[in-house]
Amino acid sequence: MPEICFQIEWPDGQSETCYSPSLVVKDYFRPGEAYTVTEFLRRSRESLQIASDRVQEKYGFPCGRALGQLQKIEATAQQYLAAPDSKVIVLRFEE
């Protein structure tokens, strides 16, 4: 199963490299695009759940690393939700 990393920049300028066990994230994010924190969370939840489900279909168990990545994104995003116009930028994919 092809895995991919994608680099993001949080509203405060901190960058983070995120992991997905599936290329499905390319259907949800575009390099150079900025998403509100709420929209970024929605897209992350959907894409990483699909990615984990694909691992489960293939190997019989969900992808703990994808679900852990989602938990990390959700935890970090909490600090930016008070400013609804805050943006997360998807910088690039790293295959």
PDB file of N, CA and C in Angstrom:
ATOM      1  N   MET A   1       0.857  -1.172   0.000  1.00  0.00           N
ATOM      2  CA  MET A   1       0.000   0.000   0.000  1.00  0.00           C
ATOM      3  C   MET A   1       0.904   1.236   0.000  1.00  0.00           C
ATOM      4  N   PRO A   2       0.704   2.129  -0.953  1.00  0.00           N
ATOM      5  CA  PRO A   2       1.571   3.322  -0.999  1.00  0.00           C
ATOM      6  C   PRO A   2       1.242   4.293   0.128  1.00  0.00           C
ATOM      7  N   GLU A   3       2.249   4.660   0.880  1.00  0.00           N
ATOM      8  CA  GLU A   3       2.052   5.628   1.952  1.00  0.00           C
ATOM      9  C   GLU A   3       2.592   6.985   1.501  1.00  0.00           C
ATOM     10  N   ILE A   4       2.191   8.018   2.222  1.00  0.00           N
ATOM     11  CA  ILE A   4       2.586   9.365   1.848  1.00  0.00           C
ATOM     12  C   ILE A   4       2.644  10.232   3.097  1.00  0.00           C
ATOM     13  N   CYS A   5       3.502  11.223   3.067  1.00  0.00           N
ATOM     14  CA  CYS A   5       3.543  12.240   4.110  1.00  0.00           C
ATOM     15  C   CYS A   5       3.150  13.562   3.471  1.00  0.00           C
ATOM     16  N   PHE A   6       2.545  14.425   4.256  1.00  0.00           N
ATOM     17  CA  PHE A   6       2.213  15.755   3.761  1.00  0.00           C
ATOM     18  C   PHE A   6       2.602  16.771   4.815  1.00  0.00           C
ATOM     19  N   GLN A   7       3.233  17.828   4.352  1.00  0.00           N
ATOM     20  CA  GLN A   7       3.712  18.851   5.266  1.00  0.00           C
ATOM     21  C   GLN A   7       2.698  19.984   5.309  1.00  0.00           C
ATOM     22  N   ILE A   8       2.392  20.415   6.538  1.00  0.00           N
ATOM     23  CA  ILE A   8       1.424  21.494   6.735  1.00  0.00           C
ATOM     24  C   ILE A   8       2.060  22.611   7.547  1.00  0.00           C
ATOM     25  N   GLU A   9       1.422  23.764   7.480  1.00  0.00           N
ATOM     26  CA  GLU A   9       1.818  24.886   8.324  1.00  0.00           C
ATOM     27  C   GLU A   9       0.596  25.342   9.101  1.00  0.00           C
ATOM     28  N   TRP A  10       0.711  25.325  10.422  1.00  0.00           N
ATOM     29  CA  TRP A  10      -0.362  25.763  11.297  1.00  0.00           C
ATOM     30  C   TRP A  10      -0.475  27.286  11.265  1.00  0.00           C
ATOM     31  N   PRO A  11      -1.576  27.861  11.763  1.00  0.00           N
ATOM     32  CA  PRO A  11      -1.761  29.312  11.708  1.00  0.00           C
ATOM     33  C   PRO A  11      -0.653  30.136  12.366  1.00  0.00           C
ATOM     34  N   ASP A  12       0.049  29.567  13.331  1.00  0.00           N
ATOM     35  CA  ASP A  12       1.122  30.310  13.996  1.00  0.00           C
ATOM     36  C   ASP A  12       2.468  30.165  13.291  1.00  0.00           C
ATOM     37  N   GLY A  13       2.477  29.489  12.133  1.00  0.00           N
ATOM     38  CA  GLY A  13       3.703  29.348  11.353  1.00  0.00           C
ATOM     39  C   GLY A  13       4.482  28.077  11.619  1.00  0.00           C
ATOM     40  N   GLN A  14       4.083  27.298  12.622  1.00  0.00           N
ATOM     41  CA  GLN A  14       4.785  26.042  12.894  1.00  0.00           C
ATOM     42  C   GLN A  14       4.439  25.023  11.809  1.00  0.00           C
ATOM     43  N   SER A  15       5.462  24.304  11.350  1.00  0.00           N
ATOM     44  CA  SER A  15       5.192  23.283  10.336  1.00  0.00           C
ATOM     45  C   SER A  15       5.213  21.901  10.978  1.00  0.00           C
ATOM     46  N   GLU A  16       4.522  20.999  10.336  1.00  0.00           N
ATOM     47  CA  GLU A  16       4.417  19.624  10.824  1.00  0.00           C
ATOM     48  C   GLU A  16       4.329  18.694   9.622  1.00  0.00           C
ATOM     49  N   THR A  17       4.973  17.551   9.734  1.00  0.00           N
ATOM     50  CA  THR A  17       4.851  16.529   8.702  1.00  0.00           C
ATOM     51  C   THR A  17       3.871  15.476   9.198  1.00  0.00           C
ATOM     52  N   CYS A  18       2.848  15.227   8.404  1.00  0.00           N
ATOM     53  CA  CYS A  18       1.790  14.293   8.756  1.00  0.00           C
ATOM     54  C   CYS A  18       1.894  13.045   7.890  1.00  0.00           C
ATOM     55  N   TYR A  19       1.377  11.938   8.394  1.00  0.00           N
ATOM     56  CA  TYR A  19       1.482  10.630   7.739  1.00  0.00           C
ATOM     57  C   TYR A  19       0.115  10.102   7.322  1.00  0.00           C
ATOM     58  N   SER A  20       0.098   9.441   6.168  1.00  0.00           N
ATOM     59  CA  SER A  20      -1.088   8.692   5.738  1.00  0.00           C
ATOM     60  C   SER A  20      -0.611   7.388   5.090  1.00  0.00           C
ATOM     61  N   PRO A  21      -1.271   6.271   5.407  1.00  0.00           N
ATOM     62  CA  PRO A  21      -0.889   5.001   4.786  1.00  0.00           C
ATOM     63  C   PRO A  21      -1.456   4.845   3.372  1.00  0.00           C
ATOM     64  N   SER A  22      -2.147   5.869   2.895  1.00  0.00           N
ATOM     65  CA  SER A  22      -2.799   5.801   1.588  1.00  0.00           C
ATOM     66  C   SER A  22      -2.684   7.145   0.882  1.00  0.00           C
ATOM     67  N   LEU A  23      -2.649   7.099  -0.429  1.00  0.00           N
ATOM     68  CA  LEU A  23      -2.596   8.321  -1.227  1.00  0.00           C
ATOM     69  C   LEU A  23      -3.934   9.061  -1.263  1.00  0.00           C
ATOM     70  N   VAL A  24      -4.946   8.550  -0.586  1.00  0.00           N
ATOM     71  CA  VAL A  24      -6.265   9.171  -0.589  1.00  0.00           C
ATOM     72  C   VAL A  24      -6.212  10.631  -0.139  1.00  0.00           C
ATOM     73  N   VAL A  25      -5.240  10.998   0.673  1.00  0.00           N
ATOM     74  CA  VAL A  25      -5.147  12.393   1.124  1.00  0.00           C
ATOM     75  C   VAL A  25      -4.972  13.361  -0.051  1.00  0.00           C
ATOM     76  N   LYS A  26      -4.433  12.863  -1.161  1.00  0.00           N
ATOM     77  CA  LYS A  26      -4.281  13.721  -2.340  1.00  0.00           C
ATOM     78  C   LYS A  26      -5.632  14.123  -2.925  1.00  0.00           C
ATOM     79  N   ASP A  27      -6.683  13.372  -2.613  1.00  0.00           N
ATOM     80  CA  ASP A  27      -8.027  13.717  -3.057  1.00  0.00           C
ATOM     81  C   ASP A  27      -8.646  14.802  -2.167  1.00  0.00           C
ATOM     82  N   TYR A  28      -8.047  15.048  -1.010  1.00  0.00           N
ATOM     83  CA  TYR A  28      -8.615  15.974  -0.037  1.00  0.00           C
ATOM     84  C   TYR A  28      -7.825  17.261   0.124  1.00  0.00           C
ATOM     85  N   PHE A  29      -6.556  17.243  -0.236  1.00  0.00           N
ATOM     86  CA  PHE A  29      -5.693  18.403  -0.052  1.00  0.00           C
ATOM     87  C   PHE A  29      -4.909  18.705  -1.326  1.00  0.00           C
ATOM     88  N   ARG A  30      -4.619  19.983  -1.520  1.00  0.00           N
ATOM     89  CA  ARG A  30      -3.798  20.423  -2.640  1.00  0.00           C
ATOM     90  C   ARG A  30      -2.629  21.240  -2.097  1.00  0.00           C
ATOM     91  N   PRO A  31      -1.412  20.943  -2.531  1.00  0.00           N
ATOM     92  CA  PRO A  31      -0.263  21.744  -2.090  1.00  0.00           C
ATOM     93  C   PRO A  31      -0.463  23.223  -2.424  1.00  0.00           C
ATOM     94  N   GLY A  32      -0.144  24.058  -1.464  1.00  0.00           N
ATOM     95  CA  GLY A  32      -0.283  25.499  -1.627  1.00  0.00           C
ATOM     96  C   GLY A  32      -1.639  26.039  -1.214  1.00  0.00           C
ATOM     97  N   GLU A  33      -2.601  25.160  -0.956  1.00  0.00           N
ATOM     98  CA  GLU A  33      -3.942  25.589  -0.561  1.00  0.00           C
ATOM     99  C   GLU A  33      -3.998  25.834   0.948  1.00  0.00           C
ATOM    100  N   ALA A  34      -4.781  26.845   1.324  1.00  0.00           N
ATOM    101  CA  ALA A  34      -5.023  27.144   2.729  1.00  0.00           C
ATOM    102  C   ALA A  34      -6.463  26.745   3.061  1.00  0.00           C
ATOM    103  N   TYR A  35      -6.644  26.109   4.199  1.00  0.00           N
ATOM    104  CA  TYR A  35      -7.957  25.652   4.653  1.00  0.00           C
ATOM    105  C   TYR A  35      -8.214  26.226   6.046  1.00  0.00           C
ATOM    106  N   THR A  36      -9.454  26.595   6.316  1.00  0.00           N
ATOM    107  CA  THR A  36      -9.745  26.995   7.688  1.00  0.00           C
ATOM    108  C   THR A  36      -9.431  25.793   8.581  1.00  0.00           C
ATOM    109  N   VAL A  37      -9.178  26.047   9.832  1.00  0.00           N
ATOM    110  CA  VAL A  37      -8.869  24.950  10.750  1.00  0.00           C
ATOM    111  C   VAL A  37     -10.014  23.947  10.776  1.00  0.00           C
ATOM    112  N   THR A  38     -11.243  24.447  10.781  1.00  0.00           N
ATOM    113  CA  THR A  38     -12.401  23.551  10.798  1.00  0.00           C
ATOM    114  C   THR A  38     -12.446  22.685   9.540  1.00  0.00           C
ATOM    115  N   GLU A  39     -12.216  23.284   8.388  1.00  0.00           N
ATOM    116  CA  GLU A  39     -12.228  22.530   7.131  1.00  0.00           C
ATOM    117  C   GLU A  39     -11.061  21.546   7.080  1.00  0.00           C
ATOM    118  N   PHE A  40      -9.899  21.966   7.555  1.00  0.00           N
ATOM    119  CA  PHE A  40      -8.747  21.075   7.591  1.00  0.00           C
ATOM    120  C   PHE A  40      -9.030  19.860   8.475  1.00  0.00           C
ATOM    121  N   LEU A  41      -9.664  20.099   9.611  1.00  0.00           N
ATOM    122  CA  LEU A  41     -10.037  18.987  10.500  1.00  0.00           C
ATOM    123  C   LEU A  41     -11.014  18.035   9.817  1.00  0.00           C
ATOM    124  N   ARG A  42     -12.021  18.589   9.162  1.00  0.00           N
ATOM    125  CA  ARG A  42     -13.007  17.752   8.475  1.00  0.00           C
ATOM    126  C   ARG A  42     -12.340  16.886   7.407  1.00  0.00           C
ATOM    127  N   ARG A  43     -11.497  17.493   6.602  1.00  0.00           N
ATOM    128  CA  ARG A  43     -10.815  16.765   5.537  1.00  0.00           C
ATOM    129  C   ARG A  43      -9.832  15.738   6.109  1.00  0.00           C
ATOM    130  N   SER A  44      -9.166  16.090   7.187  1.00  0.00           N
ATOM    131  CA  SER A  44      -8.224  15.155   7.823  1.00  0.00           C
ATOM    132  C   SER A  44      -8.966  13.949   8.383  1.00  0.00           C
ATOM    133  N   ARG A  45     -10.063  14.204   9.072  1.00  0.00           N
ATOM    134  CA  ARG A  45     -10.847  13.097   9.646  1.00  0.00           C
ATOM    135  C   ARG A  45     -11.315  12.143   8.560  1.00  0.00           C
ATOM    136  N   GLU A  46     -11.862  12.710   7.503  1.00  0.00           N
ATOM    137  CA  GLU A  46     -12.413  11.884   6.434  1.00  0.00           C
ATOM    138  C   GLU A  46     -11.307  11.095   5.712  1.00  0.00           C
ATOM    139  N   SER A  47     -10.256  11.776   5.313  1.00  0.00           N
ATOM    140  CA  SER A  47      -9.208  11.111   4.528  1.00  0.00           C
ATOM    141  C   SER A  47      -8.425  10.088   5.350  1.00  0.00           C
ATOM    142  N   LEU A  48      -8.083  10.427   6.590  1.00  0.00           N
ATOM    143  CA  LEU A  48      -7.308   9.479   7.392  1.00  0.00           C
ATOM    144  C   LEU A  48      -8.149   8.294   7.846  1.00  0.00           C
ATOM    145  N   GLN A  49      -9.455   8.494   8.013  1.00  0.00           N
ATOM    146  CA  GLN A  49     -10.322   7.351   8.324  1.00  0.00           C
ATOM    147  C   GLN A  49     -10.414   6.414   7.119  1.00  0.00           C
ATOM    148  N   ILE A  50     -10.559   6.984   5.935  1.00  0.00           N
ATOM    149  CA  ILE A  50     -10.579   6.161   4.723  1.00  0.00           C
ATOM    150  C   ILE A  50      -9.256   5.412   4.583  1.00  0.00           C
ATOM    151  N   ALA A  51      -8.153   6.094   4.822  1.00  0.00           N
ATOM    152  CA  ALA A  51      -6.836   5.463   4.724  1.00  0.00           C
ATOM    153  C   ALA A  51      -6.723   4.299   5.704  1.00  0.00           C
ATOM    154  N   SER A  52      -7.165   4.507   6.941  1.00  0.00           N
ATOM    155  CA  SER A  52      -7.121   3.446   7.943  1.00  0.00           C
ATOM    156  C   SER A  52      -8.028   2.281   7.551  1.00  0.00           C
ATOM    157  N   ASP A  53      -9.202   2.617   7.008  1.00  0.00           N
ATOM    158  CA  ASP A  53     -10.135   1.568   6.570  1.00  0.00           C
ATOM    159  C   ASP A  53      -9.527   0.729   5.443  1.00  0.00           C
ATOM    160  N   ARG A  54      -8.778   1.365   4.568  1.00  0.00           N
ATOM    161  CA  ARG A  54      -8.132   0.624   3.477  1.00  0.00           C
ATOM    162  C   ARG A  54      -7.099  -0.360   4.024  1.00  0.00           C
ATOM    163  N   VAL A  55      -6.390   0.054   5.064  1.00  0.00           N
ATOM    164  CA  VAL A  55      -5.437  -0.853   5.715  1.00  0.00           C
ATOM    165  C   VAL A  55      -6.200  -2.021   6.326  1.00  0.00           C
ATOM    166  N   GLN A  56      -7.321  -1.720   6.974  1.00  0.00           N
ATOM    167  CA  GLN A  56      -8.113  -2.783   7.594  1.00  0.00           C
ATOM    168  C   GLN A  56      -8.621  -3.775   6.545  1.00  0.00           C
ATOM    169  N   GLU A  57      -9.074  -3.261   5.414  1.00  0.00           N
ATOM    170  CA  GLU A  57      -9.542  -4.152   4.348  1.00  0.00           C
ATOM    171  C   GLU A  57      -8.431  -5.074   3.856  1.00  0.00           C
ATOM    172  N   LYS A  58      -7.229  -4.534   3.775  1.00  0.00           N
ATOM    173  CA  LYS A  58      -6.117  -5.308   3.234  1.00  0.00           C
ATOM    174  C   LYS A  58      -5.473  -6.238   4.265  1.00  0.00           C
ATOM    175  N   TYR A  59      -5.325  -5.754   5.511  1.00  0.00           N
ATOM    176  CA  TYR A  59      -4.566  -6.504   6.514  1.00  0.00           C
ATOM    177  C   TYR A  59      -5.399  -7.035   7.686  1.00  0.00           C
ATOM    178  N   GLY A  60      -6.659  -6.609   7.772  1.00  0.00           N
ATOM    179  CA  GLY A  60      -7.515  -7.112   8.830  1.00  0.00           C
ATOM    180  C   GLY A  60      -7.506  -6.306  10.118  1.00  0.00           C
ATOM    181  N   PHE A  61      -6.803  -5.175  10.131  1.00  0.00           N
ATOM    182  CA  PHE A  61      -6.792  -4.302  11.304  1.00  0.00           C
ATOM    183  C   PHE A  61      -6.607  -2.866  10.848  1.00  0.00           C
ATOM    184  N   PRO A  62      -7.160  -1.908  11.591  1.00  0.00           N
ATOM    185  CA  PRO A  62      -7.024  -0.504  11.210  1.00  0.00           C
ATOM    186  C   PRO A  62      -5.584  -0.020  11.373  1.00  0.00           C
ATOM    187  N   CYS A  63      -5.268   1.070  10.743  1.00  0.00           N
ATOM    188  CA  CYS A  63      -3.910   1.625  10.818  1.00  0.00           C
ATOM    189  C   CYS A  63      -3.788   2.524  12.045  1.00  0.00           C
ATOM    190  N   GLY A  64      -3.117   2.021  13.051  1.00  0.00           N
ATOM    191  CA  GLY A  64      -2.912   2.785  14.274  1.00  0.00           C
ATOM    192  C   GLY A  64      -2.129   4.058  14.042  1.00  0.00           C
ATOM    193  N   ARG A  65      -1.219   4.022  13.103  1.00  0.00           N
ATOM    194  CA  ARG A  65      -0.403   5.213  12.832  1.00  0.00           C
ATOM    195  C   ARG A  65      -1.258   6.329  12.220  1.00  0.00           C
ATOM    196  N   ALA A  66      -2.169   5.969  11.315  1.00  0.00           N
ATOM    197  CA  ALA A  66      -3.067   6.971  10.720  1.00  0.00           C
ATOM    198  C   ALA A  66      -4.010   7.538  11.779  1.00  0.00           C
ATOM    199  N   LEU A  67      -4.555   6.673  12.615  1.00  0.00           N
ATOM    200  CA  LEU A  67      -5.465   7.136  13.658  1.00  0.00           C
ATOM    201  C   LEU A  67      -4.726   7.968  14.700  1.00  0.00           C
ATOM    202  N   GLY A  68      -3.479   7.607  14.981  1.00  0.00           N
ATOM    203  CA  GLY A  68      -2.652   8.412  15.881  1.00  0.00           C
ATOM    204  C   GLY A  68      -2.351   9.776  15.287  1.00  0.00           C
ATOM    205  N   GLN A  69      -2.102   9.814  13.984  1.00  0.00           N
ATOM    206  CA  GLN A  69      -1.861  11.088  13.307  1.00  0.00           C
ATOM    207  C   GLN A  69      -3.095  11.975  13.405  1.00  0.00           C
ATOM    208  N   LEU A  70      -4.259  11.381  13.217  1.00  0.00           N
ATOM    209  CA  LEU A  70      -5.501  12.135  13.323  1.00  0.00           C
ATOM    210  C   LEU A  70      -5.679  12.693  14.735  1.00  0.00           C
ATOM    211  N   GLN A  71      -5.393  11.897  15.739  1.00  0.00           N
ATOM    212  CA  GLN A  71      -5.491  12.381  17.123  1.00  0.00           C
ATOM    213  C   GLN A  71      -4.554  13.565  17.356  1.00  0.00           C
ATOM    214  N   LYS A  72      -3.358  13.490  16.803  1.00  0.00           N
ATOM    215  CA  LYS A  72      -2.382  14.579  16.960  1.00  0.00           C
ATOM    216  C   LYS A  72      -2.883  15.843  16.270  1.00  0.00           C
ATOM    217  N   ILE A  73      -3.416  15.694  15.057  1.00  0.00           N
ATOM    218  CA  ILE A  73      -3.973  16.846  14.330  1.00  0.00           C
ATOM    219  C   ILE A  73      -5.116  17.460  15.131  1.00  0.00           C
ATOM    220  N   GLU A  74      -6.015  16.619  15.633  1.00  0.00           N
ATOM    221  CA  GLU A  74      -7.160  17.123  16.398  1.00  0.00           C
ATOM    222  C   GLU A  74      -6.714  17.849  17.664  1.00  0.00           C
ATOM    223  N   ALA A  75      -5.720  17.315  18.348  1.00  0.00           N
ATOM    224  CA  ALA A  75      -5.232  17.943  19.578  1.00  0.00           C
ATOM    225  C   ALA A  75      -4.576  19.294  19.280  1.00  0.00           C
ATOM    226  N   THR A  76      -3.753  19.348  18.251  1.00  0.00           N
ATOM    227  CA  THR A  76      -3.081  20.597  17.911  1.00  0.00           C
ATOM    228  C   THR A  76      -4.080  21.640  17.430  1.00  0.00           C
ATOM    229  N   ALA A  77      -5.061  21.220  16.657  1.00  0.00           N
ATOM    230  CA  ALA A  77      -6.038  22.152  16.088  1.00  0.00           C
ATOM    231  C   ALA A  77      -6.867  22.852  17.161  1.00  0.00           C
ATOM    232  N   GLN A  78      -7.038  22.228  18.313  1.00  0.00           N
ATOM    233  CA  GLN A  78      -7.870  22.808  19.372  1.00  0.00           C
ATOM    234  C   GLN A  78      -7.426  24.223  19.736  1.00  0.00           C
ATOM    235  N   GLN A  79      -6.127  24.476  19.710  1.00  0.00           N
ATOM    236  CA  GLN A  79      -5.637  25.794  20.124  1.00  0.00           C
ATOM    237  C   GLN A  79      -5.952  26.892  19.109  1.00  0.00           C
ATOM    238  N   TYR A  80      -6.355  26.513  17.889  1.00  0.00           N
ATOM    239  CA  TYR A  80      -6.636  27.500  16.848  1.00  0.00           C
ATOM    240  C   TYR A  80      -8.125  27.677  16.573  1.00  0.00           C
ATOM    241  N   LEU A  81      -8.970  26.855  17.149  1.00  0.00           N
ATOM    242  CA  LEU A  81     -10.399  26.896  16.848  1.00  0.00           C
ATOM    243  C   LEU A  81     -11.089  28.164  17.351  1.00  0.00           C
ATOM    244  N   ALA A  82     -10.498  28.843  18.311  1.00  0.00           N
ATOM    245  CA  ALA A  82     -11.101  30.075  18.829  1.00  0.00           C
ATOM    246  C   ALA A  82     -11.091  31.186  17.778  1.00  0.00           C
ATOM    247  N   ALA A  83     -10.171  31.101  16.827  1.00  0.00           N
ATOM    248  CA  ALA A  83     -10.104  32.075  15.733  1.00  0.00           C
ATOM    249  C   ALA A  83     -10.565  31.365  14.456  1.00  0.00           C
ATOM    250  N   PRO A  84     -11.852  31.429  14.139  1.00  0.00           N
ATOM    251  CA  PRO A  84     -12.408  30.627  13.050  1.00  0.00           C
ATOM    252  C   PRO A  84     -11.806  30.895  11.673  1.00  0.00           C
ATOM    253  N   ASP A  85     -11.192  32.045  11.485  1.00  0.00           N
ATOM    254  CA  ASP A  85     -10.591  32.342  10.183  1.00  0.00           C
ATOM    255  C   ASP A  85      -9.142  31.878  10.071  1.00  0.00           C
ATOM    256  N   SER A  86      -8.614  31.279  11.122  1.00  0.00           N
ATOM    257  CA  SER A  86      -7.244  30.765  11.082  1.00  0.00           C
ATOM    258  C   SER A  86      -7.124  29.728   9.980  1.00  0.00           C
ATOM    259  N   LYS A  87      -5.986  29.729   9.303  1.00  0.00           N
ATOM    260  CA  LYS A  87      -5.791  28.827   8.160  1.00  0.00           C
ATOM    261  C   LYS A  87      -4.632  27.863   8.389  1.00  0.00           C
ATOM    262  N   VAL A  88      -4.822  26.660   7.876  1.00  0.00           N
ATOM    263  CA  VAL A  88      -3.765  25.653   7.806  1.00  0.00           C
ATOM    264  C   VAL A  88      -3.397  25.554   6.330  1.00  0.00           C
ATOM    265  N   ILE A  89      -2.111  25.643   6.040  1.00  0.00           N
ATOM    266  CA  ILE A  89      -1.650  25.559   4.658  1.00  0.00           C
ATOM    267  C   ILE A  89      -1.030  24.194   4.434  1.00  0.00           C
ATOM    268  N   VAL A  90      -1.433  23.522   3.375  1.00  0.00           N
ATOM    269  CA  VAL A  90      -0.785  22.268   2.967  1.00  0.00           C
ATOM    270  C   VAL A  90       0.369  22.669   2.065  1.00  0.00           C
ATOM    271  N   LEU A  91       1.582  22.429   2.536  1.00  0.00           N
ATOM    272  CA  LEU A  91       2.764  22.883   1.810  1.00  0.00           C
ATOM    273  C   LEU A  91       3.141  21.954   0.672  1.00  0.00           C
ATOM    274  N   ARG A  92       3.209  20.652   0.976  1.00  0.00           N
ATOM    275  CA  ARG A  92       3.630  19.694  -0.073  1.00  0.00           C
ATOM    276  C   ARG A  92       3.392  18.272   0.380  1.00  0.00           C
ATOM    277  N   PHE A  93       3.398  17.399  -0.618  1.00  0.00           N
ATOM    278  CA  PHE A  93       3.368  15.955  -0.381  1.00  0.00           C
ATOM    279  C   PHE A  93       4.788  15.424  -0.506  1.00  0.00           C
ATOM    280  N   GLU A  94       5.093  14.402   0.295  1.00  0.00           N
ATOM    281  CA  GLU A  94       6.401  13.745   0.250  1.00  0.00           C
ATOM    282  C   GLU A  94       6.148  12.253   0.076  1.00  0.00           C
ATOM    283  N   GLU A  95       6.335  11.775  -1.147  1.00  0.00           N
ATOM    284  CA  GLU A  95       6.083  10.353  -1.425  1.00  0.00           C
ATOM    285  C   GLU A  95       7.341   9.543  -1.254  1.00  0.00           C
TER     286      GLU A  95
END
